[in-house]
C-alpha atoms as a PDB file:
ATOM      1  CA  MET A   1      10.683   5.952   6.287  1.00  0.00           C
ATOM      2  CA  ILE A   2       8.484   4.758   9.115  1.00  0.00           C
ATOM      3  CA  ALA A   3       7.157   1.357   8.074  1.00  0.00           C
ATOM      4  CA  TYR A   4       5.826  -0.124  11.312  1.00  0.00           C
ATOM      5  CA  LEU A   5       4.876   1.128  14.781  1.00  0.00           C
ATOM      6  CA  SER A   6       4.041  -0.667  18.009  1.00  0.00           C
ATOM      7  CA  GLY A   7       2.971   1.136  21.176  1.00  0.00           C
ATOM      8  CA  LYS A   8       0.068   2.261  23.364  1.00  0.00           C
ATOM      9  CA  ILE A   9      -2.870   4.335  22.149  1.00  0.00           C
ATOM     10  CA  VAL A  10      -2.802   7.657  24.013  1.00  0.00           C
ATOM     11  CA  LEU A  11      -5.765   9.161  22.187  1.00  0.00           C
ATOM     12  CA  LYS A  12      -8.365   7.788  19.809  1.00  0.00           C
ATOM     13  CA  ALA A  13     -10.155  10.425  17.698  1.00  0.00           C
ATOM     14  CA  ASP A  14     -12.495  10.243  14.671  1.00  0.00           C
ATOM     15  CA  ASN A  15      -9.950   9.306  12.022  1.00  0.00           C
ATOM     16  CA  PHE A  16      -6.618   8.989  13.819  1.00  0.00           C
ATOM     17  CA  VAL A  17      -4.906   7.652  16.896  1.00  0.00           C
ATOM     18  CA  ILE A  18      -1.966   9.060  18.779  1.00  0.00           C
ATOM     19  CA  LEU A  19       0.387   6.198  19.442  1.00  0.00           C
ATOM     20  CA  ASP A  20       3.022   6.406  22.188  1.00  0.00           C
ATOM     21  CA  VAL A  21       6.107   4.550  21.007  1.00  0.00           C
ATOM     22  CA  ASN A  22       8.847   4.749  23.644  1.00  0.00           C
ATOM     23  CA  GLY A  23       7.790   8.216  24.775  1.00  0.00           C
ATOM     24  CA  ILE A  24       7.224   9.670  21.297  1.00  0.00           C
ATOM     25  CA  GLY A  25       3.650  10.344  20.176  1.00  0.00           C
ATOM     26  CA  TYR A  26       2.836   9.546  16.548  1.00  0.00           C
ATOM     27  CA  GLU A  27      -0.377  10.790  14.923  1.00  0.00           C
ATOM     28  CA  VAL A  28      -1.479   7.885  12.729  1.00  0.00           C
ATOM     29  CA  PHE A  29      -4.449   8.283  10.363  1.00  0.00           C
ATOM     30  CA  LEU A  30      -6.595   5.169   9.933  1.00  0.00           C
ATOM     31  CA  SER A  31      -9.497   4.186   7.692  1.00  0.00           C
ATOM     32  CA  GLU A  32     -12.988   4.055   9.219  1.00  0.00           C
ATOM     33  CA  ALA A  33     -12.885   0.252   9.212  1.00  0.00           C
ATOM     34  CA  SER A  34      -9.483   0.226  10.952  1.00  0.00           C
ATOM     35  CA  MET A  35     -10.677   2.769  13.530  1.00  0.00           C
ATOM     36  CA  GLU A  36     -13.548   0.422  14.411  1.00  0.00           C
ATOM     37  CA  LYS A  37     -11.134  -2.501  14.848  1.00  0.00           C
ATOM     38  CA  ALA A  38      -8.530  -0.487  16.797  1.00  0.00           C
ATOM     39  CA  PRO A  39      -8.523  -1.105  20.553  1.00  0.00           C
ATOM     40  CA  GLU A  40      -9.498   1.563  23.074  1.00  0.00           C
ATOM     41  CA  GLN A  41      -7.232   4.123  24.703  1.00  0.00           C
ATOM     42  CA  SER A  42      -4.293   2.811  26.801  1.00  0.00           C
ATOM     43  CA  SER A  43      -4.264  -0.448  24.816  1.00  0.00           C
ATOM     44  CA  ASP A  44      -1.346  -1.879  22.851  1.00  0.00           C
ATOM     45  CA  PHE A  45      -1.586  -1.300  19.116  1.00  0.00           C
ATOM     46  CA  LYS A  46       0.554  -2.306  16.135  1.00  0.00           C
ATOM     47  CA  CYS A  47       0.269  -1.053  12.584  1.00  0.00           C
ATOM     48  CA  PHE A  48       2.111  -0.894   9.301  1.00  0.00           C
ATOM     49  CA  CYS A  49       2.697   2.695   8.205  1.00  0.00           C
ATOM     50  CA  TYR A  50       3.140   4.906   5.196  1.00  0.00           C
ATOM     51  CA  LEU A  51       4.679   8.361   5.626  1.00  0.00           C
ATOM     52  CA  GLU A  52       3.507  10.865   3.031  1.00  0.00           C
ATOM     53  CA  ALA A  53       5.403  14.133   2.913  1.00  0.00           C
ATOM     54  CA  ASN A  54       4.734  17.123   0.697  1.00  0.00           C
ATOM     55  CA  GLU A  55       5.433  20.865   0.839  1.00  0.00           C
ATOM     56  CA  ARG A  56       2.540  21.486   3.249  1.00  0.00           C
ATOM     57  CA  ALA A  57       2.568  18.581   5.682  1.00  0.00           C
ATOM     58  CA  MET A  58       3.786  15.155   6.688  1.00  0.00           C
ATOM     59  CA  LYS A  59       1.124  12.558   7.470  1.00  0.00           C
ATOM     60  CA  LEU A  60       1.466   9.046   8.738  1.00  0.00           C
ATOM     61  CA  PHE A  61      -1.152   6.549   7.531  1.00  0.00           C
ATOM     62  CA  GLY A  62      -1.670   3.285   9.418  1.00  0.00           C
ATOM     63  CA  PHE A  63      -2.788  -0.162   8.261  1.00  0.00           C
ATOM     64  CA  LEU A  64      -3.729  -3.270  10.198  1.00  0.00           C
ATOM     65  CA  THR A  65      -2.173  -5.608   7.601  1.00  0.00           C
ATOM     66  CA  PHE A  66       0.696  -5.424   5.140  1.00  0.00           C
ATOM     67  CA  GLU A  67      -1.747  -6.187   2.295  1.00  0.00           C
ATOM     68  CA  GLU A  68      -3.711  -3.011   3.121  1.00  0.00           C
ATOM     69  CA  LEU A  69      -0.470  -1.011   2.982  1.00  0.00           C
ATOM     70  CA  GLU A  70       0.404  -2.506  -0.408  1.00  0.00           C
ATOM     71  CA  LEU A  71      -3.073  -1.716  -1.761  1.00  0.00           C
ATOM     72  CA  PHE A  72      -2.766   1.866  -0.463  1.00  0.00           C
ATOM     73  CA  LYS A  73       0.510   2.284  -2.383  1.00  0.00           C
ATOM     74  CA  VAL A  74      -1.075   0.960  -5.583  1.00  0.00           C
ATOM     75  CA  ILE A  75      -4.037   3.332  -5.273  1.00  0.00           C
ATOM     76  CA  ARG A  76      -1.837   6.340  -4.414  1.00  0.00           C
ATOM     77  CA  ASN A  77      -0.079   5.793  -7.742  1.00  0.00           C
ATOM     78  CA  ILE A  78      -3.368   6.371  -9.570  1.00  0.00           C
ATOM     79  CA  GLN A  79      -3.596   9.986 -10.633  1.00  0.00           C
ATOM     80  CA  GLY A  80      -6.456  11.774  -8.882  1.00  0.00           C
ATOM     81  CA  ALA A  81      -6.707   9.327  -5.976  1.00  0.00           C
ATOM     82  CA  GLY A  82      -5.895  11.281  -2.837  1.00  0.00           C
ATOM     83  CA  PRO A  83      -4.559   9.842   0.400  1.00  0.00           C
ATOM     84  CA  LYS A  84      -7.916   9.884   2.221  1.00  0.00           C
ATOM     85  CA  ALA A  85      -9.664   7.971  -0.570  1.00  0.00           C
ATOM     86  CA  ALA A  86      -6.722   5.568  -0.895  1.00  0.00           C
ATOM     87  CA  LEU A  87      -6.831   4.973   2.866  1.00  0.00           C
ATOM     88  CA  GLU A  88     -10.522   4.062   2.782  1.00  0.00           C
ATOM     89  CA  ILE A  89     -10.133   1.845  -0.305  1.00  0.00           C
ATOM     90  CA  SER A  90      -7.159   0.086   1.316  1.00  0.00           C
ATOM     91  CA  ALA A  91      -9.502  -1.124   4.079  1.00  0.00           C
ATOM     92  CA  ILE A  92     -10.837  -3.593   1.478  1.00  0.00           C
ATOM     93  CA  GLY A  93      -7.629  -5.499   2.149  1.00  0.00           C
ATOM     94  CA  SER A  94      -5.744  -6.427  -0.994  1.00  0.00           C
ATOM     95  CA  LEU A  95      -5.770  -6.472  -4.778  1.00  0.00           C
ATOM     96  CA  GLY A  96      -6.750 -10.137  -4.502  1.00  0.00           C
ATOM     97  CA  LYS A  97      -9.947  -9.222  -2.636  1.00  0.00           C
ATOM     98  CA  ILE A  98     -10.738  -6.515  -5.186  1.00  0.00           C
ATOM     99  CA  LYS A  99     -10.191  -9.105  -7.923  1.00  0.00           C
ATOM    100  CA  GLU A 100     -12.721 -11.429  -6.243  1.00  0.00           C
ATOM    101  CA  MET A 101     -15.257  -8.601  -5.945  1.00  0.00           C
ATOM    102  CA  MET A 102     -14.843  -7.627  -9.595  1.00  0.00           C
ATOM    103  CA  GLU A 103     -15.124 -11.254 -10.757  1.00  0.00           C
ATOM    104  CA  LYS A 104     -18.416 -11.522  -8.847  1.00  0.00           C
ATOM    105  CA  GLY A 105     -19.656  -8.405 -10.658  1.00  0.00           C
ATOM    106  CA  ASN A 106     -19.465  -6.145  -7.606  1.00  0.00           C
ATOM    107  CA  ILE A 107     -18.013  -2.984  -9.138  1.00  0.00           C
ATOM    108  CA  GLY A 108     -19.887  -0.660  -6.798  1.00  0.00           C
ATOM    109  CA  PHE A 109     -17.465  -1.169  -3.913  1.00  0.00           C
ATOM    110  CA  LEU A 110     -16.203   2.418  -4.278  1.00  0.00           C
ATOM    111  CA  ASN A 111     -19.659   4.028  -4.109  1.00  0.00           C
ATOM    112  CA  ASN A 112     -19.654   4.713  -0.360  1.00  0.00           C
ATOM    113  CA  ILE A 113     -16.148   6.135  -0.144  1.00  0.00           C
ATOM    114  CA  PRO A 114     -16.063   9.897   0.531  1.00  0.00           C
ATOM    115  CA  GLY A 115     -14.377  11.949  -2.188  1.00  0.00           C
ATOM    116  CA  ILE A 116     -14.892   9.319  -4.891  1.00  0.00           C
ATOM    117  CA  GLY A 117     -17.421  10.303  -7.510  1.00  0.00           C
ATOM    118  CA  PRO A 118     -18.608   8.088 -10.372  1.00  0.00           C
ATOM    119  CA  LYS A 119     -15.920   9.292 -12.828  1.00  0.00           C
ATOM    120  CA  LYS A 120     -13.068   8.868 -10.357  1.00  0.00           C
ATOM    121  CA  ALA A 121     -14.422   5.454  -9.331  1.00  0.00           C
ATOM    122  CA  GLN A 122     -14.466   4.394 -12.984  1.00  0.00           C
ATOM    123  CA  LYS A 123     -10.859   5.542 -13.450  1.00  0.00           C
ATOM    124  CA  ILE A 124      -9.692   3.754 -10.298  1.00  0.00           C
ATOM    125  CA  ILE A 125     -11.455   0.517 -11.302  1.00  0.00           C
ATOM    126  CA  LEU A 126      -9.921   0.718 -14.787  1.00  0.00           C
ATOM    127  CA  GLU A 127      -6.415   1.210 -13.384  1.00  0.00           C
ATOM    128  CA  LEU A 128      -6.900  -1.512 -10.758  1.00  0.00           C
ATOM    129  CA  SER A 129      -8.113  -3.968 -13.390  1.00  0.00           C
ATOM    130  CA  GLY A 130      -4.749  -3.538 -15.133  1.00  0.00           C
ATOM    131  CA  GLN A 131      -2.954  -4.312 -11.854  1.00  0.00           C
ATOM    132  CA  ILE A 132      -5.263  -7.252 -11.140  1.00  0.00           C
ATOM    133  CA  LYS A 133      -4.444  -8.971 -14.426  1.00  0.00           C
ATOM    134  CA  ASN A 134      -0.935  -9.582 -13.094  1.00  0.00           C
ATOM    135  CA  ILE A 135      -2.200 -11.336  -9.944  1.00  0.00           C
ATOM    136  CA  GLY A 136      -1.740 -15.056 -10.166  1.00  0.00           C
ATOM    137  CA  ALA A 137       0.232 -14.741 -13.398  1.00  0.00           C
ATOM    138  CA  MET A 138       3.387 -15.996 -11.681  1.00  0.00           C
ATOM    139  CA  SER A 139       3.867 -19.553 -10.599  1.00  0.00           C
ATOM    140  CA  LYS A 140       4.643 -20.390  -6.964  1.00  0.00           C
ATOM    141  CA  LYS A 141       8.229 -21.227  -7.930  1.00  0.00           C
ATOM    142  CA  GLU A 142       8.657 -17.816  -9.606  1.00  0.00           C
ATOM    143  CA  LYS A 143       7.168 -16.050  -6.555  1.00  0.00           C
ATOM    144  CA  ASP A 144       9.527 -17.937  -4.221  1.00  0.00           C
ATOM    145  CA  LEU A 145      12.500 -16.981  -6.402  1.00  0.00           C
ATOM    146  CA  LEU A 146      11.381 -13.351  -6.430  1.00  0.00           C
ATOM    147  CA  GLU A 147      10.955 -13.286  -2.628  1.00  0.00           C
ATOM    148  CA  SER A 148      14.610 -14.346  -2.238  1.00  0.00           C
ATOM    149  CA  ASP A 149      15.886 -11.946  -4.928  1.00  0.00           C
ATOM    150  CA  GLU A 150      18.141  -9.333  -3.273  1.00  0.00           C
ATOM    151  CA  ALA A 151      17.354  -6.663  -5.890  1.00  0.00           C
ATOM    152  CA  TYR A 152      13.600  -7.202  -5.460  1.00  0.00           C
ATOM    153  CA  LEU A 153      13.833  -7.005  -1.666  1.00  0.00           C
ATOM    154  CA  ALA A 154      15.976  -3.855  -1.899  1.00  0.00           C
ATOM    155  CA  LEU A 155      13.361  -2.141  -4.098  1.00  0.00           C
ATOM    156  CA  ILE A 156      10.625  -3.097  -1.600  1.00  0.00           C
ATOM    157  CA  LYS A 157      12.701  -1.626   1.245  1.00  0.00           C
ATOM    158  CA  LEU A 158      13.070   1.571  -0.775  1.00  0.00           C
ATOM    159  CA  GLY A 159       9.271   1.900  -0.694  1.00  0.00           C
ATOM    160  CA  PHE A 160       8.230   0.572  -4.092  1.00  0.00           C
ATOM    161  CA  SER A 161       5.180  -1.681  -4.271  1.00  0.00           C
ATOM    162  CA  ARG A 162       5.705  -5.368  -4.966  1.00  0.00           C
ATOM    163  CA  GLU A 163       4.039  -5.009  -8.364  1.00  0.00           C
ATOM    164  CA  LYS A 164       6.266  -2.085  -9.452  1.00  0.00           C
ATOM    165  CA  ALA A 165       9.447  -3.784  -8.225  1.00  0.00           C
ATOM    166  CA  GLN A 166       8.506  -7.011 -10.017  1.00  0.00           C
ATOM    167  CA  LYS A 167       7.610  -5.191 -13.233  1.00  0.00           C
ATOM    168  CA  ALA A 168      10.866  -3.195 -13.253  1.00  0.00           C
ATOM    169  CA  LEU A 169      13.000  -6.291 -12.671  1.00  0.00           C
ATOM    170  CA  LEU A 170      11.193  -8.213 -15.417  1.00  0.00           C
ATOM    171  CA  GLU A 171      12.095  -5.419 -17.870  1.00  0.00           C
ATOM    172  CA  LEU A 172      15.834  -5.872 -17.246  1.00  0.00           C
ATOM    173  CA  PRO A 173      17.979  -7.803 -19.726  1.00  0.00           C
ATOM    174  CA  LYS A 174      18.330 -11.417 -18.558  1.00  0.00           C
ATOM    175  CA  GLY A 175      22.162 -11.372 -18.777  1.00  0.00           C
ATOM    176  CA  ILE A 176      22.647  -8.963 -15.861  1.00  0.00           C
ATOM    177  CA  LYS A 177      23.429 -10.963 -12.719  1.00  0.00           C
ATOM    178  CA  ASP A 178      25.085  -8.334 -10.451  1.00  0.00           C
ATOM    179  CA  ASN A 179      22.489  -7.213  -7.889  1.00  0.00           C
ATOM    180  CA  GLN A 180      23.838  -3.660  -7.584  1.00  0.00           C
ATOM    181  CA  GLU A 181      23.620  -3.213 -11.349  1.00  0.00           C
ATOM    182  CA  ARG A 182      20.107  -4.707 -11.404  1.00  0.00           C
ATOM    183  CA  ILE A 183      18.970  -2.329  -8.623  1.00  0.00           C
ATOM    184  CA  LYS A 184      20.510   0.661 -10.416  1.00  0.00           C
ATOM    185  CA  LEU A 185      18.819  -0.193 -13.725  1.00  0.00           C
ATOM    186  CA  ALA A 186      15.495  -0.976 -12.018  1.00  0.00           C
ATOM    187  CA  LEU A 187      15.585   2.426 -10.280  1.00  0.00           C
ATOM    188  CA  GLN A 188      16.130   4.068 -13.667  1.00  0.00           C
ATOM    189  CA  ILE A 189      13.070   2.253 -15.024  1.00  0.00           C
ATOM    190  CA  LEU A 190      11.008   3.185 -11.959  1.00  0.00           C
ATOM    191  CA  GLY A 191      12.111   6.815 -12.240  1.00  0.00           C
ATOM    192  CA  LYS A 192      10.684   7.256 -15.754  1.00  0.00           C
END
């Protein structure tokens, strides 16, 4: 999977850039907010990426920060949220920022996103609120332990979101210490 690109912008269009990385041109779709922040043609550009492949096409989505990429993955896992909507929502930044907005009573942050009607917005907010409850639930010590956990890092490298990897590993019996066994069992949980 392509997770990160760094190169020169060859072309900047309405919703994508073509990025020259060592002589290979990548079409990278960006949110409106990211397009505004992206430098002009012939400039250096770096972005985190998510490659989505289906029977009709392969598309590469770009993000200015890793948090935006993580948020995109969370939203793509919500049934009915397409890649274009997820890309625009990801420009908000992170689940933490969405949590702040919701705590302040701003639940209309999805109103201006194309392809998101009131019913879909309600569903997305409901699903995100479930994800948000887990934010801050872990202590700093637990987070540090998780960040050095080989099984956790392997699941992240396989493309699972931090939240899903964490949830799967927390479901494992505590007696299993072998990392390969933990990864295997976590993948079974994630495959359900």
